[in-house]
Amino acid sequence: MISMPIPALTRDEVRELDRIAIDELGIPGVVLMENAGRGAAEALLAAFHAAHGRAPRMVSIVCGRGNNGGDGYVVARHLRARGIGVRLASLCPGDALSGDARTMRTICERLGLGIATLVRPEATWLDAVGDAWVDGILGTGFEGELRDDALAWVRALDACPAPLRVALDLPTGLDADLGVVRPEAPHVDLTTTFAAPKVGFATAEARAHLGRVEVISIGTPPELVDRVLERKRRPGTQGAEAATHHPTSIREES
């Protein structure tokens, strides 16, 4: 977690931060994802202990098709390493994933963590959600309309009671830039957002869904955010940033 105030970033600025980290600093995307997921797991455990005086016994995690789902697999592995029971649901089979998300899912599979492929939520899975559920369906790459499978899942999660409800990066259905929230987006208790807050978090509509926001370090130096914002202020750099968007950005969604 990061304690110092950090300026909010737009979707494209997050992509640029990832690009600099990967292309210029040489930090592999899989390392950024590992740091994000580990930090989110630690924040979840701290929040649950603060509220209930104990560790959660079971955490249920829903993983999407993109790298937000990859973050969810990292969270699952770190919780399991702490002796926490973990249940995983995926909106797609493993062979539909690629890149870092595929790597993280494969590790979970080799560790014997069961992953249920559920394109639509099932009552039996939701009824056994446990002490906490985690929304790892979509991250900052989301804009526009939710696909039918994601829509069904966020509706089900929002209606699913749990002592702790957590979003990875942001609740699915929230536009990171505009702060506009799909009506069905889940209301969470804790949003573990990666690297920096998102500019859309400032709207009243977004705040109603976010709960408490904790910024999770992904292992990049704090001054990297300032670097991204400085490039934005320079004349003629906006187009260059868009052209150099790195395809393996850990927040990019399919």
C-alpha atoms as a PDB file:
ATOM      1  CA  MET A   1       0.000   0.000   0.000  1.00  0.00           C
ATOM      2  CA  ILE A   2       1.074   3.592  -0.616  1.00  0.00           C
ATOM      3  CA  SER A   3       0.635   6.138   2.173  1.00  0.00           C
ATOM      4  CA  MET A   4       1.654   9.343   0.396  1.00  0.00           C
ATOM      5  CA  PRO A   5      -0.893  11.301  -1.684  1.00  0.00           C
ATOM      6  CA  ILE A   6      -0.713  10.356  -5.362  1.00  0.00           C
ATOM      7  CA  PRO A   7      -2.280  12.336  -8.236  1.00  0.00           C
ATOM      8  CA  ALA A   8      -5.140  10.628 -10.052  1.00  0.00           C
ATOM      9  CA  LEU A   9      -4.498   9.267 -13.545  1.00  0.00           C
ATOM     10  CA  THR A  10      -6.622   8.744 -16.627  1.00  0.00           C
ATOM     11  CA  ARG A  11      -6.881   5.426 -18.443  1.00  0.00           C
ATOM     12  CA  ASP A  12      -4.269   6.491 -21.015  1.00  0.00           C
ATOM     13  CA  GLU A  13      -1.937   7.776 -18.311  1.00  0.00           C
ATOM     14  CA  VAL A  14      -2.085   4.398 -16.563  1.00  0.00           C
ATOM     15  CA  ARG A  15      -1.201   2.763 -19.875  1.00  0.00           C
ATOM     16  CA  GLU A  16       1.714   5.146 -20.284  1.00  0.00           C
ATOM     17  CA  LEU A  17       2.936   4.415 -16.766  1.00  0.00           C
ATOM     18  CA  ASP A  18       2.910   0.703 -17.557  1.00  0.00           C
ATOM     19  CA  ARG A  19       4.680   1.311 -20.856  1.00  0.00           C
ATOM     20  CA  ILE A  20       7.488   3.267 -19.206  1.00  0.00           C
ATOM     21  CA  ALA A  21       7.849   0.643 -16.491  1.00  0.00           C
ATOM     22  CA  ILE A  22       8.065  -2.196 -19.021  1.00  0.00           C
ATOM     23  CA  ASP A  23       9.875  -0.617 -21.980  1.00  0.00           C
ATOM     24  CA  GLU A  24      12.126   1.954 -20.326  1.00  0.00           C
ATOM     25  CA  LEU A  25      12.748   0.578 -16.840  1.00  0.00           C
ATOM     26  CA  GLY A  26      12.722  -3.050 -17.925  1.00  0.00           C
ATOM     27  CA  ILE A  27      10.233  -4.298 -15.326  1.00  0.00           C
ATOM     28  CA  PRO A  28       8.412  -7.279 -16.880  1.00  0.00           C
ATOM     29  CA  GLY A  29       4.643  -6.983 -17.016  1.00  0.00           C
ATOM     30  CA  VAL A  30       4.308 -10.206 -15.046  1.00  0.00           C
ATOM     31  CA  VAL A  31       6.250  -8.580 -12.181  1.00  0.00           C
ATOM     32  CA  LEU A  32       3.894  -5.596 -12.174  1.00  0.00           C
ATOM     33  CA  MET A  33       0.937  -7.985 -12.038  1.00  0.00           C
ATOM     34  CA  GLU A  34       2.518  -9.981  -9.225  1.00  0.00           C
ATOM     35  CA  ASN A  35       3.068  -6.825  -7.181  1.00  0.00           C
ATOM     36  CA  ALA A  36      -0.497  -5.644  -7.800  1.00  0.00           C
ATOM     37  CA  GLY A  37      -2.088  -8.926  -6.779  1.00  0.00           C
ATOM     38  CA  ARG A  38       0.107  -9.447  -3.741  1.00  0.00           C
ATOM     39  CA  GLY A  39      -0.616  -5.925  -2.503  1.00  0.00           C
ATOM     40  CA  ALA A  40      -4.346  -6.399  -3.024  1.00  0.00           C
ATOM     41  CA  ALA A  41      -4.275  -9.658  -1.054  1.00  0.00           C
ATOM     42  CA  GLU A  42      -2.476  -7.941   1.822  1.00  0.00           C
ATOM     43  CA  ALA A  43      -4.990  -5.073   1.815  1.00  0.00           C
ATOM     44  CA  LEU A  44      -7.890  -7.536   1.856  1.00  0.00           C
ATOM     45  CA  LEU A  45      -6.448  -9.403   4.836  1.00  0.00           C
ATOM     46  CA  ALA A  46      -5.748  -6.186   6.751  1.00  0.00           C
ATOM     47  CA  ALA A  47      -9.256  -4.846   6.111  1.00  0.00           C
ATOM     48  CA  PHE A  48     -10.918  -8.080   7.185  1.00  0.00           C
ATOM     49  CA  HIS A  49      -8.827  -8.369  10.331  1.00  0.00           C
ATOM     50  CA  ALA A  50      -9.542  -4.738  11.269  1.00  0.00           C
ATOM     51  CA  ALA A  51     -13.285  -5.354  10.987  1.00  0.00           C
ATOM     52  CA  HIS A  52     -13.537  -8.870  12.429  1.00  0.00           C
ATOM     53  CA  GLY A  53     -10.418  -9.475  14.498  1.00  0.00           C
ATOM     54  CA  ARG A  54      -9.455 -12.576  12.540  1.00  0.00           C
ATOM     55  CA  ALA A  55      -8.424 -13.761   9.105  1.00  0.00           C
ATOM     56  CA  PRO A  56     -11.096 -14.752   6.581  1.00  0.00           C
ATOM     57  CA  ARG A  57     -11.683 -18.476   6.328  1.00  0.00           C
ATOM     58  CA  MET A  58     -12.837 -18.451   2.701  1.00  0.00           C
ATOM     59  CA  VAL A  59     -12.530 -15.872  -0.096  1.00  0.00           C
ATOM     60  CA  SER A  60     -14.275 -16.189  -3.469  1.00  0.00           C
ATOM     61  CA  ILE A  61     -12.686 -14.506  -6.487  1.00  0.00           C
ATOM     62  CA  VAL A  62     -14.246 -13.902  -9.919  1.00  0.00           C
ATOM     63  CA  CYS A  63     -11.725 -13.486 -12.745  1.00  0.00           C
ATOM     64  CA  GLY A  64     -12.428 -11.975 -16.144  1.00  0.00           C
ATOM     65  CA  ARG A  65     -10.840 -12.509 -19.544  1.00  0.00           C
ATOM     66  CA  GLY A  66      -8.184  -9.795 -19.273  1.00  0.00           C
ATOM     67  CA  ASN A  67      -5.403  -8.800 -16.961  1.00  0.00           C
ATOM     68  CA  ASN A  68      -7.741  -7.786 -14.155  1.00  0.00           C
ATOM     69  CA  GLY A  69      -8.511 -11.483 -13.980  1.00  0.00           C
ATOM     70  CA  GLY A  70      -4.772 -12.143 -13.918  1.00  0.00           C
ATOM     71  CA  ASP A  71      -4.542  -9.938 -10.844  1.00  0.00           C
ATOM     72  CA  GLY A  72      -7.284 -12.077  -9.303  1.00  0.00           C
ATOM     73  CA  TYR A  73      -5.247 -15.252  -9.772  1.00  0.00           C
ATOM     74  CA  VAL A  74      -2.308 -13.609  -8.000  1.00  0.00           C
ATOM     75  CA  VAL A  75      -4.595 -12.624  -5.107  1.00  0.00           C
ATOM     76  CA  ALA A  76      -5.806 -16.224  -4.871  1.00  0.00           C
ATOM     77  CA  ARG A  77      -2.289 -17.629  -4.714  1.00  0.00           C
ATOM     78  CA  HIS A  78      -1.150 -15.235  -1.986  1.00  0.00           C
ATOM     79  CA  LEU A  79      -4.247 -15.856   0.100  1.00  0.00           C
ATOM     80  CA  ARG A  80      -3.744 -19.592  -0.219  1.00  0.00           C
ATOM     81  CA  ALA A  81      -0.109 -19.172   0.837  1.00  0.00           C
ATOM     82  CA  ARG A  82      -1.437 -17.603   4.065  1.00  0.00           C
ATOM     83  CA  GLY A  83      -3.660 -20.615   4.707  1.00  0.00           C
ATOM     84  CA  ILE A  84      -6.876 -18.935   3.533  1.00  0.00           C
ATOM     85  CA  GLY A  85      -9.428 -21.023   1.645  1.00  0.00           C
ATOM     86  CA  VAL A  86      -9.920 -19.766  -1.919  1.00  0.00           C
ATOM     87  CA  ARG A  87     -12.646 -20.359  -4.494  1.00  0.00           C
ATOM     88  CA  LEU A  88     -12.081 -19.204  -8.066  1.00  0.00           C
ATOM     89  CA  ALA A  89     -14.575 -18.618 -10.862  1.00  0.00           C
ATOM     90  CA  SER A  90     -13.488 -17.654 -14.356  1.00  0.00           C
ATOM     91  CA  LEU A  91     -15.617 -16.188 -17.126  1.00  0.00           C
ATOM     92  CA  CYS A  92     -13.604 -18.178 -19.679  1.00  0.00           C
ATOM     93  CA  PRO A  93     -11.495 -21.333 -19.974  1.00  0.00           C
ATOM     94  CA  GLY A  94      -7.760 -21.056 -19.501  1.00  0.00           C
ATOM     95  CA  ASP A  95      -6.927 -21.423 -23.193  1.00  0.00           C
ATOM     96  CA  ALA A  96      -8.872 -18.229 -23.903  1.00  0.00           C
ATOM     97  CA  LEU A  97      -6.328 -16.222 -21.904  1.00  0.00           C
ATOM     98  CA  SER A  98      -2.982 -14.923 -23.104  1.00  0.00           C
ATOM     99  CA  GLY A  99       0.114 -13.204 -21.785  1.00  0.00           C
ATOM    100  CA  ASP A 100       0.574 -12.526 -18.101  1.00  0.00           C
ATOM    101  CA  ALA A 101      -2.995 -13.475 -17.162  1.00  0.00           C
ATOM    102  CA  ARG A 102      -2.479 -16.914 -18.710  1.00  0.00           C
ATOM    103  CA  THR A 103       0.775 -17.302 -16.787  1.00  0.00           C
ATOM    104  CA  MET A 104      -0.892 -16.507 -13.469  1.00  0.00           C
ATOM    105  CA  ARG A 105      -3.805 -18.833 -14.097  1.00  0.00           C
ATOM    106  CA  THR A 106      -1.453 -21.664 -15.071  1.00  0.00           C
ATOM    107  CA  ILE A 107       0.412 -21.270 -11.777  1.00  0.00           C
ATOM    108  CA  CYS A 108      -2.868 -21.542  -9.866  1.00  0.00           C
ATOM    109  CA  GLU A 109      -3.793 -24.661 -11.815  1.00  0.00           C
ATOM    110  CA  ARG A 110      -0.432 -26.281 -11.091  1.00  0.00           C
ATOM    111  CA  LEU A 111      -0.881 -25.485  -7.409  1.00  0.00           C
ATOM    112  CA  GLY A 112      -4.159 -27.389  -7.477  1.00  0.00           C
ATOM    113  CA  LEU A 113      -6.417 -24.383  -6.936  1.00  0.00           C
ATOM    114  CA  GLY A 114      -9.762 -25.340  -8.424  1.00  0.00           C
ATOM    115  CA  ILE A 115     -11.064 -22.909 -11.040  1.00  0.00           C
ATOM    116  CA  ALA A 116     -14.702 -23.157 -12.076  1.00  0.00           C
ATOM    117  CA  THR A 117     -15.396 -21.882 -15.573  1.00  0.00           C
ATOM    118  CA  LEU A 118     -18.731 -20.110 -15.172  1.00  0.00           C
ATOM    119  CA  VAL A 119     -19.785 -17.863 -18.036  1.00  0.00           C
ATOM    120  CA  ARG A 120     -22.873 -17.103 -15.968  1.00  0.00           C
ATOM    121  CA  PRO A 121     -23.011 -17.080 -12.169  1.00  0.00           C
ATOM    122  CA  GLU A 122     -24.536 -20.120 -10.516  1.00  0.00           C
ATOM    123  CA  ALA A 123     -26.549 -20.022  -7.300  1.00  0.00           C
ATOM    124  CA  THR A 124     -24.576 -22.872  -5.750  1.00  0.00           C
ATOM    125  CA  TRP A 125     -21.316 -20.958  -6.236  1.00  0.00           C
ATOM    126  CA  LEU A 126     -22.741 -17.704  -4.892  1.00  0.00           C
ATOM    127  CA  ASP A 127     -24.364 -19.376  -1.880  1.00  0.00           C
ATOM    128  CA  ALA A 128     -20.941 -20.567  -0.682  1.00  0.00           C
ATOM    129  CA  VAL A 129     -19.100 -17.275  -1.261  1.00  0.00           C
ATOM    130  CA  GLY A 130     -17.620 -17.245   2.261  1.00  0.00           C
ATOM    131  CA  ASP A 131     -16.151 -14.316   4.181  1.00  0.00           C
ATOM    132  CA  ALA A 132     -15.317 -12.137   1.179  1.00  0.00           C
ATOM    133  CA  TRP A 133     -15.755 -11.894  -2.546  1.00  0.00           C
ATOM    134  CA  VAL A 134     -13.377 -10.202  -4.994  1.00  0.00           C
ATOM    135  CA  ASP A 135     -14.351  -8.562  -8.292  1.00  0.00           C
ATOM    136  CA  GLY A 136     -11.534  -9.236 -10.772  1.00  0.00           C
ATOM    137  CA  ILE A 137     -13.685  -9.058 -13.893  1.00  0.00           C
ATOM    138  CA  LEU A 138     -12.732  -5.781 -15.610  1.00  0.00           C
ATOM    139  CA  GLY A 139     -10.278  -2.996 -14.841  1.00  0.00           C
ATOM    140  CA  THR A 140      -9.504   0.459 -16.190  1.00  0.00           C
ATOM    141  CA  GLY A 141      -9.749  -0.696 -19.807  1.00  0.00           C
ATOM    142  CA  PHE A 142     -13.531  -0.878 -19.525  1.00  0.00           C
ATOM    143  CA  GLU A 143     -15.639   1.763 -21.260  1.00  0.00           C
ATOM    144  CA  GLY A 144     -19.056   1.659 -22.864  1.00  0.00           C
ATOM    145  CA  GLU A 145     -21.341  -1.301 -22.245  1.00  0.00           C
ATOM    146  CA  LEU A 146     -20.749  -4.485 -20.299  1.00  0.00           C
ATOM    147  CA  ARG A 147     -20.847  -7.787 -22.143  1.00  0.00           C
ATOM    148  CA  ASP A 148     -23.694 -10.104 -21.184  1.00  0.00           C
ATOM    149  CA  ASP A 149     -21.512 -12.433 -19.103  1.00  0.00           C
ATOM    150  CA  ALA A 150     -19.840  -9.606 -17.168  1.00  0.00           C
ATOM    151  CA  LEU A 151     -23.228  -7.958 -16.683  1.00  0.00           C
ATOM    152  CA  ALA A 152     -24.707 -11.131 -15.215  1.00  0.00           C
ATOM    153  CA  TRP A 153     -21.772 -11.514 -12.841  1.00  0.00           C
ATOM    154  CA  VAL A 154     -21.741  -7.948 -11.504  1.00  0.00           C
ATOM    155  CA  ARG A 155     -25.491  -8.097 -10.905  1.00  0.00           C
ATOM    156  CA  ALA A 156     -25.043 -11.330  -8.996  1.00  0.00           C
ATOM    157  CA  LEU A 157     -22.117 -10.021  -6.948  1.00  0.00           C
ATOM    158  CA  ASP A 158     -23.923  -6.823  -6.031  1.00  0.00           C
ATOM    159  CA  ALA A 159     -26.799  -8.921  -4.694  1.00  0.00           C
ATOM    160  CA  CYS A 160     -24.472 -11.358  -2.906  1.00  0.00           C
ATOM    161  CA  PRO A 161     -23.979 -10.515   0.792  1.00  0.00           C
ATOM    162  CA  ALA A 162     -20.525 -10.988   2.285  1.00  0.00           C
ATOM    163  CA  PRO A 163     -18.705  -9.511   5.274  1.00  0.00           C
ATOM    164  CA  LEU A 164     -16.153  -7.932   2.897  1.00  0.00           C
ATOM    165  CA  ARG A 165     -16.574  -7.018  -0.768  1.00  0.00           C
ATOM    166  CA  VAL A 166     -13.435  -6.072  -2.709  1.00  0.00           C
ATOM    167  CA  ALA A 167     -12.738  -4.679  -6.190  1.00  0.00           C
ATOM    168  CA  LEU A 168      -9.401  -5.012  -7.974  1.00  0.00           C
ATOM    169  CA  ASP A 169      -8.406  -1.627  -9.464  1.00  0.00           C
ATOM    170  CA  LEU A 170     -12.056  -0.518  -9.655  1.00  0.00           C
ATOM    171  CA  PRO A 171     -15.532  -2.055  -9.509  1.00  0.00           C
ATOM    172  CA  THR A 172     -16.489  -3.599 -12.845  1.00  0.00           C
ATOM    173  CA  GLY A 173     -18.727  -1.198 -14.740  1.00  0.00           C
ATOM    174  CA  LEU A 174     -17.087   2.011 -13.523  1.00  0.00           C
ATOM    175  CA  ASP A 175     -15.492   4.160 -16.227  1.00  0.00           C
ATOM    176  CA  ALA A 176     -12.028   5.119 -14.960  1.00  0.00           C
ATOM    177  CA  ASP A 177     -12.028   8.430 -16.834  1.00  0.00           C
ATOM    178  CA  LEU A 178     -15.609   9.648 -16.629  1.00  0.00           C
ATOM    179  CA  GLY A 179     -16.643   8.291 -13.249  1.00  0.00           C
ATOM    180  CA  VAL A 180     -19.825   7.031 -14.872  1.00  0.00           C
ATOM    181  CA  VAL A 181     -21.018   3.762 -13.387  1.00  0.00           C
ATOM    182  CA  ARG A 182     -23.218   1.147 -15.000  1.00  0.00           C
ATOM    183  CA  PRO A 183     -26.358   0.759 -12.830  1.00  0.00           C
ATOM    184  CA  GLU A 184     -25.530  -2.883 -12.188  1.00  0.00           C
ATOM    185  CA  ALA A 185     -21.933  -2.280 -11.020  1.00  0.00           C
ATOM    186  CA  PRO A 186     -21.206  -3.797  -7.614  1.00  0.00           C
ATOM    187  CA  HIS A 187     -20.990  -1.710  -4.466  1.00  0.00           C
ATOM    188  CA  VAL A 188     -17.818  -2.715  -2.637  1.00  0.00           C
ATOM    189  CA  ASP A 189     -16.333  -2.053   0.779  1.00  0.00           C
ATOM    190  CA  LEU A 190     -12.741  -1.817  -0.459  1.00  0.00           C
ATOM    191  CA  THR A 191     -11.254  -0.831  -3.805  1.00  0.00           C
ATOM    192  CA  THR A 192      -7.603  -1.829  -4.183  1.00  0.00           C
ATOM    193  CA  THR A 193      -6.535   0.419  -7.026  1.00  0.00           C
ATOM    194  CA  PHE A 194      -3.140  -0.051  -8.643  1.00  0.00           C
ATOM    195  CA  ALA A 195      -0.332   2.534  -8.905  1.00  0.00           C
ATOM    196  CA  ALA A 196      -2.580   5.603  -8.555  1.00  0.00           C
ATOM    197  CA  PRO A 197      -6.205   6.645  -8.057  1.00  0.00           C
ATOM    198  CA  LYS A 198      -8.209   7.089 -11.230  1.00  0.00           C
ATOM    199  CA  VAL A 199      -9.693  10.470 -12.175  1.00  0.00           C
ATOM    200  CA  GLY A 200     -13.187   8.989 -12.372  1.00  0.00           C
ATOM    201  CA  PHE A 201     -13.116   8.209  -8.654  1.00  0.00           C
ATOM    202  CA  ALA A 202     -13.915  11.853  -7.904  1.00  0.00           C
ATOM    203  CA  THR A 203     -17.571  11.707  -8.947  1.00  0.00           C
ATOM    204  CA  ALA A 204     -20.311  11.174  -6.374  1.00  0.00           C
ATOM    205  CA  GLU A 205     -21.630   8.324  -8.515  1.00  0.00           C
ATOM    206  CA  ALA A 206     -18.281   6.529  -8.380  1.00  0.00           C
ATOM    207  CA  ARG A 207     -17.769   7.134  -4.654  1.00  0.00           C
ATOM    208  CA  ALA A 208     -21.064   5.389  -3.929  1.00  0.00           C
ATOM    209  CA  HIS A 209     -19.600   2.178  -5.394  1.00  0.00           C
ATOM    210  CA  LEU A 210     -15.928   2.393  -4.375  1.00  0.00           C
ATOM    211  CA  GLY A 211     -16.010   2.071  -0.602  1.00  0.00           C
ATOM    212  CA  ARG A 212     -12.606   2.767   0.909  1.00  0.00           C
ATOM    213  CA  VAL A 213      -9.889   3.204  -1.729  1.00  0.00           C
ATOM    214  CA  GLU A 214      -6.368   1.938  -1.101  1.00  0.00           C
ATOM    215  CA  VAL A 215      -3.618   2.602  -3.623  1.00  0.00           C
ATOM    216  CA  ILE A 216      -1.471  -0.500  -4.138  1.00  0.00           C
ATOM    217  CA  SER A 217       2.122  -0.191  -5.309  1.00  0.00           C
ATOM    218  CA  ILE A 218       2.993  -2.183  -8.407  1.00  0.00           C
ATOM    219  CA  GLY A 219       6.707  -1.747  -7.756  1.00  0.00           C
ATOM    220  CA  THR A 220       7.276   1.399  -9.794  1.00  0.00           C
ATOM    221  CA  PRO A 221       9.029   4.446  -8.283  1.00  0.00           C
ATOM    222  CA  PRO A 222       6.658   7.176  -7.016  1.00  0.00           C
ATOM    223  CA  GLU A 223       8.183   9.757  -9.347  1.00  0.00           C
ATOM    224  CA  LEU A 224       6.971   7.744 -12.341  1.00  0.00           C
ATOM    225  CA  VAL A 225       3.492   9.222 -11.875  1.00  0.00           C
ATOM    226  CA  ASP A 226       4.991  12.716 -12.032  1.00  0.00           C
ATOM    227  CA  ARG A 227       6.864  11.696 -15.183  1.00  0.00           C
ATOM    228  CA  VAL A 228       3.649  10.592 -16.849  1.00  0.00           C
ATOM    229  CA  LEU A 229       1.867  13.810 -15.929  1.00  0.00           C
ATOM    230  CA  GLU A 230       4.818  15.929 -17.085  1.00  0.00           C
ATOM    231  CA  ARG A 231       4.777  14.253 -20.488  1.00  0.00           C
ATOM    232  CA  LYS A 232       1.085  15.007 -20.752  1.00  0.00           C
ATOM    233  CA  ARG A 233       1.759  18.701 -20.155  1.00  0.00           C
ATOM    234  CA  ARG A 234       4.396  18.917 -22.888  1.00  0.00           C
ATOM    235  CA  PRO A 235       3.060  20.175 -26.244  1.00  0.00           C
ATOM    236  CA  GLY A 236       2.767  17.443 -28.861  1.00  0.00           C
ATOM    237  CA  THR A 237       3.243  14.465 -26.541  1.00  0.00           C
ATOM    238  CA  GLN A 238      -0.351  13.229 -26.327  1.00  0.00           C
ATOM    239  CA  GLY A 239      -0.302  11.560 -29.735  1.00  0.00           C
ATOM    240  CA  ALA A 240       3.105  10.056 -29.084  1.00  0.00           C
ATOM    241  CA  GLU A 241       1.872   8.461 -25.869  1.00  0.00           C
ATOM    242  CA  ALA A 242      -1.089   6.915 -27.642  1.00  0.00           C
ATOM    243  CA  ALA A 243       1.145   5.547 -30.379  1.00  0.00           C
ATOM    244  CA  THR A 244       3.481   3.892 -27.884  1.00  0.00           C
ATOM    245  CA  HIS A 245       0.801   2.202 -25.781  1.00  0.00           C
ATOM    246  CA  HIS A 246       2.218  -1.109 -24.687  1.00  0.00           C
ATOM    247  CA  PRO A 247      -0.027  -4.088 -25.556  1.00  0.00           C
ATOM    248  CA  THR A 248       0.799  -5.920 -22.337  1.00  0.00           C
ATOM    249  CA  SER A 249      -0.317  -3.161 -19.974  1.00  0.00           C
ATOM    250  CA  ILE A 250      -1.471  -4.930 -16.810  1.00  0.00           C
ATOM    251  CA  ARG A 251      -4.685  -2.942 -16.740  1.00  0.00           C
ATOM    252  CA  GLU A 252      -5.660  -3.520 -20.371  1.00  0.00           C
ATOM    253  CA  GLU A 253      -8.799  -5.588 -20.837  1.00  0.00           C
ATOM    254  CA  SER A 254      -9.982  -7.706 -23.708  1.00  0.00           C
END
